[in-house]
C-alpha atoms as a PDB file:
ATOM      1  CA  UNK A   1     -49.252   6.114  71.573  1.00  0.00           C
ATOM      2  CA  UNK A   2     -47.474   5.070  68.536  1.00  0.00           C
ATOM      3  CA  UNK A   3     -50.387   4.300  66.288  1.00  0.00           C
ATOM      4  CA  UNK A   4     -48.924   0.995  64.885  1.00  0.00           C
ATOM      5  CA  UNK A   5     -51.487  -2.073  64.855  1.00  0.00           C
ATOM      6  CA  UNK A   6     -49.585  -4.463  62.940  1.00  0.00           C
ATOM      7  CA  UNK A   7     -45.775  -4.762  63.531  1.00  0.00           C
ATOM      8  CA  UNK A   8     -43.589  -7.289  61.623  1.00  0.00           C
ATOM      9  CA  UNK A   9     -40.626  -8.297  63.138  1.00  0.00           C
ATOM     10  CA  UNK A  10     -37.545  -9.785  61.107  1.00  0.00           C
ATOM     11  CA  UNK A  11     -35.297 -12.147  63.055  1.00  0.00           C
ATOM     12  CA  UNK A  12     -32.057 -13.928  62.650  1.00  0.00           C
ATOM     13  CA  UNK A  13     -32.647 -16.291  65.567  1.00  0.00           C
ATOM     14  CA  UNK A  14     -29.439 -15.396  67.538  1.00  0.00           C
ATOM     15  CA  UNK A  15     -29.538 -14.358  71.185  1.00  0.00           C
ATOM     16  CA  UNK A  16     -29.775 -10.774  70.003  1.00  0.00           C
ATOM     17  CA  UNK A  17     -33.320 -11.603  68.766  1.00  0.00           C
ATOM     18  CA  UNK A  18     -34.714 -10.868  72.250  1.00  0.00           C
ATOM     19  CA  UNK A  19     -33.681  -7.219  72.121  1.00  0.00           C
ATOM     20  CA  UNK A  20     -35.382  -6.709  68.736  1.00  0.00           C
ATOM     21  CA  UNK A  21     -38.595  -8.337  70.112  1.00  0.00           C
ATOM     22  CA  UNK A  22     -38.781  -6.654  73.274  1.00  0.00           C
ATOM     23  CA  UNK A  23     -38.364  -3.300  71.329  1.00  0.00           C
ATOM     24  CA  UNK A  24     -41.127  -4.059  68.888  1.00  0.00           C
ATOM     25  CA  UNK A  25     -43.456  -5.242  72.074  1.00  0.00           C
ATOM     26  CA  UNK A  26     -42.495  -2.041  73.783  1.00  0.00           C
ATOM     27  CA  UNK A  27     -43.572   0.208  70.634  1.00  0.00           C
ATOM     28  CA  UNK A  28     -46.712  -1.703  70.165  1.00  0.00           C
ATOM     29  CA  UNK A  29     -47.756  -2.129  73.657  1.00  0.00           C
ATOM     30  CA  UNK A  30     -49.560   1.395  73.983  1.00  0.00           C
ATOM     31  CA  UNK A  31     -51.806   0.330  71.043  1.00  0.00           C
ATOM     32  CA  UNK A  32     -52.101  -3.268  71.925  1.00  0.00           C
ATOM     33  CA  UNK A  33     -50.595  -3.853  68.469  1.00  0.00           C
ATOM     34  CA  UNK A  34     -50.211  -7.269  66.882  1.00  0.00           C
ATOM     35  CA  UNK A  35     -46.928  -8.681  66.686  1.00  0.00           C
ATOM     36  CA  UNK A  36     -45.669 -10.954  63.950  1.00  0.00           C
ATOM     37  CA  UNK A  37     -42.438 -12.907  64.005  1.00  0.00           C
ATOM     38  CA  UNK A  38     -40.580 -14.052  60.821  1.00  0.00           C
ATOM     39  CA  UNK A  39     -37.412 -15.593  59.933  1.00  0.00           C
ATOM     40  CA  UNK A  40     -35.861 -16.135  56.458  1.00  0.00           C
ATOM     41  CA  UNK A  41     -33.757 -18.827  55.445  1.00  0.00           C
ATOM     42  CA  UNK A  42     -31.555 -17.858  52.305  1.00  0.00           C
ATOM     43  CA  UNK A  43     -31.443 -20.891  49.985  1.00  0.00           C
ATOM     44  CA  UNK A  44     -28.367 -23.126  50.309  1.00  0.00           C
ATOM     45  CA  UNK A  45     -27.990 -22.894  46.510  1.00  0.00           C
ATOM     46  CA  UNK A  46     -27.174 -19.115  47.013  1.00  0.00           C
ATOM     47  CA  UNK A  47     -24.110 -19.917  49.079  1.00  0.00           C
ATOM     48  CA  UNK A  48     -23.058 -23.032  47.185  1.00  0.00           C
ATOM     49  CA  UNK A  49     -24.215 -21.966  43.845  1.00  0.00           C
ATOM     50  CA  UNK A  50     -25.275 -24.179  41.091  1.00  0.00           C
ATOM     51  CA  UNK A  51     -21.635 -25.294  40.381  1.00  0.00           C
ATOM     52  CA  UNK A  52     -21.549 -28.360  42.465  1.00  0.00           C
ATOM     53  CA  UNK A  53     -23.993 -31.256  41.742  1.00  0.00           C
ATOM     54  CA  UNK A  54     -25.122 -31.660  45.412  1.00  0.00           C
ATOM     55  CA  UNK A  55     -28.843 -32.352  46.577  1.00  0.00           C
ATOM     56  CA  UNK A  56     -29.303 -29.903  49.390  1.00  0.00           C
ATOM     57  CA  UNK A  57     -32.884 -30.722  50.019  1.00  0.00           C
ATOM     58  CA  UNK A  58     -32.425 -32.517  53.226  1.00  0.00           C
ATOM     59  CA  UNK A  59     -30.199 -29.993  54.738  1.00  0.00           C
ATOM     60  CA  UNK A  60     -32.625 -27.100  53.895  1.00  0.00           C
ATOM     61  CA  UNK A  61     -35.456 -29.098  55.292  1.00  0.00           C
ATOM     62  CA  UNK A  62     -33.599 -29.455  58.397  1.00  0.00           C
ATOM     63  CA  UNK A  63     -32.672 -25.721  58.562  1.00  0.00           C
ATOM     64  CA  UNK A  64     -36.447 -24.831  58.161  1.00  0.00           C
ATOM     65  CA  UNK A  65     -37.314 -27.513  61.172  1.00  0.00           C
ATOM     66  CA  UNK A  66     -34.839 -25.984  63.192  1.00  0.00           C
ATOM     67  CA  UNK A  67     -35.982 -22.563  62.595  1.00  0.00           C
ATOM     68  CA  UNK A  68     -39.649 -23.187  62.933  1.00  0.00           C
ATOM     69  CA  UNK A  69     -38.868 -24.635  66.476  1.00  0.00           C
ATOM     70  CA  UNK A  70     -36.724 -21.518  67.477  1.00  0.00           C
ATOM     71  CA  UNK A  71     -39.205 -19.225  66.377  1.00  0.00           C
ATOM     72  CA  UNK A  72     -42.006 -20.892  67.970  1.00  0.00           C
ATOM     73  CA  UNK A  73     -40.164 -21.081  71.041  1.00  0.00           C
ATOM     74  CA  UNK A  74     -39.219 -17.430  70.941  1.00  0.00           C
ATOM     75  CA  UNK A  75     -42.967 -16.785  70.152  1.00  0.00           C
ATOM     76  CA  UNK A  76     -44.287 -18.768  73.366  1.00  0.00           C
ATOM     77  CA  UNK A  77     -41.879 -16.885  75.564  1.00  0.00           C
ATOM     78  CA  UNK A  78     -43.939 -13.726  74.697  1.00  0.00           C
ATOM     79  CA  UNK A  79     -47.310 -15.003  74.431  1.00  0.00           C
ATOM     80  CA  UNK A  80     -47.359 -14.556  70.547  1.00  0.00           C
ATOM     81  CA  UNK A  81     -49.948 -16.886  68.730  1.00  0.00           C
ATOM     82  CA  UNK A  82     -48.484 -19.631  66.633  1.00  0.00           C
ATOM     83  CA  UNK A  83     -50.439 -18.083  63.509  1.00  0.00           C
ATOM     84  CA  UNK A  84     -48.514 -14.952  63.879  1.00  0.00           C
ATOM     85  CA  UNK A  85     -45.068 -16.680  63.077  1.00  0.00           C
ATOM     86  CA  UNK A  86     -43.550 -17.449  59.743  1.00  0.00           C
ATOM     87  CA  UNK A  87     -40.546 -19.126  58.176  1.00  0.00           C
ATOM     88  CA  UNK A  88     -39.953 -18.610  54.679  1.00  0.00           C
ATOM     89  CA  UNK A  89     -36.924 -19.484  52.177  1.00  0.00           C
ATOM     90  CA  UNK A  90     -35.543 -16.557  49.973  1.00  0.00           C
ATOM     91  CA  UNK A  91     -33.974 -13.227  50.146  1.00  0.00           C
ATOM     92  CA  UNK A  92     -34.597 -11.987  53.412  1.00  0.00           C
ATOM     93  CA  UNK A  93     -35.556  -8.397  52.263  1.00  0.00           C
ATOM     94  CA  UNK A  94     -38.028  -9.723  49.757  1.00  0.00           C
ATOM     95  CA  UNK A  95     -39.585 -12.126  52.001  1.00  0.00           C
ATOM     96  CA  UNK A  96     -40.057  -9.348  54.738  1.00  0.00           C
ATOM     97  CA  UNK A  97     -41.619  -6.963  52.247  1.00  0.00           C
ATOM     98  CA  UNK A  98     -43.901  -9.292  50.919  1.00  0.00           C
ATOM     99  CA  UNK A  99     -45.099 -10.493  54.192  1.00  0.00           C
ATOM    100  CA  UNK A 100     -45.433  -6.910  55.459  1.00  0.00           C
ATOM    101  CA  UNK A 101     -47.476  -6.271  52.419  1.00  0.00           C
ATOM    102  CA  UNK A 102     -49.662  -9.451  52.734  1.00  0.00           C
ATOM    103  CA  UNK A 103     -50.238  -8.392  56.636  1.00  0.00           C
ATOM    104  CA  UNK A 104     -50.889  -4.841  56.007  1.00  0.00           C
ATOM    105  CA  UNK A 105     -48.051  -4.010  58.472  1.00  0.00           C
ATOM    106  CA  UNK A 106     -47.293  -0.335  59.338  1.00  0.00           C
ATOM    107  CA  UNK A 107     -43.872  -1.302  60.937  1.00  0.00           C
ATOM    108  CA  UNK A 108     -41.102  -3.688  60.273  1.00  0.00           C
ATOM    109  CA  UNK A 109     -38.697  -4.136  63.086  1.00  0.00           C
ATOM    110  CA  UNK A 110     -35.147  -5.725  62.488  1.00  0.00           C
ATOM    111  CA  UNK A 111     -31.688  -5.916  64.141  1.00  0.00           C
ATOM    112  CA  UNK A 112     -28.808  -4.004  62.908  1.00  0.00           C
ATOM    113  CA  UNK A 113     -24.918  -4.632  63.725  1.00  0.00           C
ATOM    114  CA  UNK A 114     -22.806  -1.658  63.210  1.00  0.00           C
ATOM    115  CA  UNK A 115     -21.218  -2.058  59.652  1.00  0.00           C
ATOM    116  CA  UNK A 116     -17.639  -1.430  59.186  1.00  0.00           C
ATOM    117  CA  UNK A 117     -15.297  -1.589  56.252  1.00  0.00           C
ATOM    118  CA  UNK A 118     -16.283  -3.851  52.976  1.00  0.00           C
ATOM    119  CA  UNK A 119     -19.386  -4.945  54.845  1.00  0.00           C
ATOM    120  CA  UNK A 120     -20.506  -1.261  54.831  1.00  0.00           C
ATOM    121  CA  UNK A 121     -19.992  -1.057  50.997  1.00  0.00           C
ATOM    122  CA  UNK A 122     -21.918  -4.408  50.417  1.00  0.00           C
ATOM    123  CA  UNK A 123     -24.833  -3.758  52.840  1.00  0.00           C
ATOM    124  CA  UNK A 124     -26.743  -5.560  55.018  1.00  0.00           C
ATOM    125  CA  UNK A 125     -30.318  -7.260  55.480  1.00  0.00           C
ATOM    126  CA  UNK A 126     -31.406  -4.449  57.434  1.00  0.00           C
ATOM    127  CA  UNK A 127     -30.350  -1.745  54.941  1.00  0.00           C
ATOM    128  CA  UNK A 128     -32.215  -3.738  52.220  1.00  0.00           C
ATOM    129  CA  UNK A 129     -35.502  -3.924  54.108  1.00  0.00           C
ATOM    130  CA  UNK A 130     -35.096  -0.352  54.779  1.00  0.00           C
ATOM    131  CA  UNK A 131     -34.340   0.660  51.091  1.00  0.00           C
ATOM    132  CA  UNK A 132     -37.482  -1.684  49.769  1.00  0.00           C
ATOM    133  CA  UNK A 133     -40.051  -1.235  52.540  1.00  0.00           C
ATOM    134  CA  UNK A 134     -43.422   0.656  51.673  1.00  0.00           C
ATOM    135  CA  UNK A 135     -43.749   1.240  55.457  1.00  0.00           C
ATOM    136  CA  UNK A 136     -41.838   2.421  58.599  1.00  0.00           C
ATOM    137  CA  UNK A 137     -38.966   0.284  59.536  1.00  0.00           C
ATOM    138  CA  UNK A 138     -37.304   0.281  62.781  1.00  0.00           C
ATOM    139  CA  UNK A 139     -33.380  -0.698  62.594  1.00  0.00           C
ATOM    140  CA  UNK A 140     -32.446  -1.844  66.358  1.00  0.00           C
ATOM    141  CA  UNK A 141     -28.873  -1.405  66.848  1.00  0.00           C
ATOM    142  CA  UNK A 142     -27.393  -4.473  68.332  1.00  0.00           C
END
């Protein structure tokens, strides 16, 4: 038995998300843990900066709607209730830390791609989640 009763699963909504969800379910199953799924969308202004006078609101809303739809479908595939999913906008590590605290989660599960070269030096979302978490974190190698 793992002892985890609440597990937060951070997903990037790629096809590899399935491996992350299934690992979280396998860990939580012996204790009948509640599984919460989350996806965070980085604000487009982070990518495009404030230098360009563009209104990105419509595009940001479209990304949010698509993320909610994809996360809802994934949750349905694993019988995870709609009130156990969330899509937020912000920095993924900060959003996951805040949600884990709000839920009183004992474990955060995220996917991790092997990093090489420059991306190793710059870090990754999974590394940022690990560094600032106040609970256990499992980085599932993808």
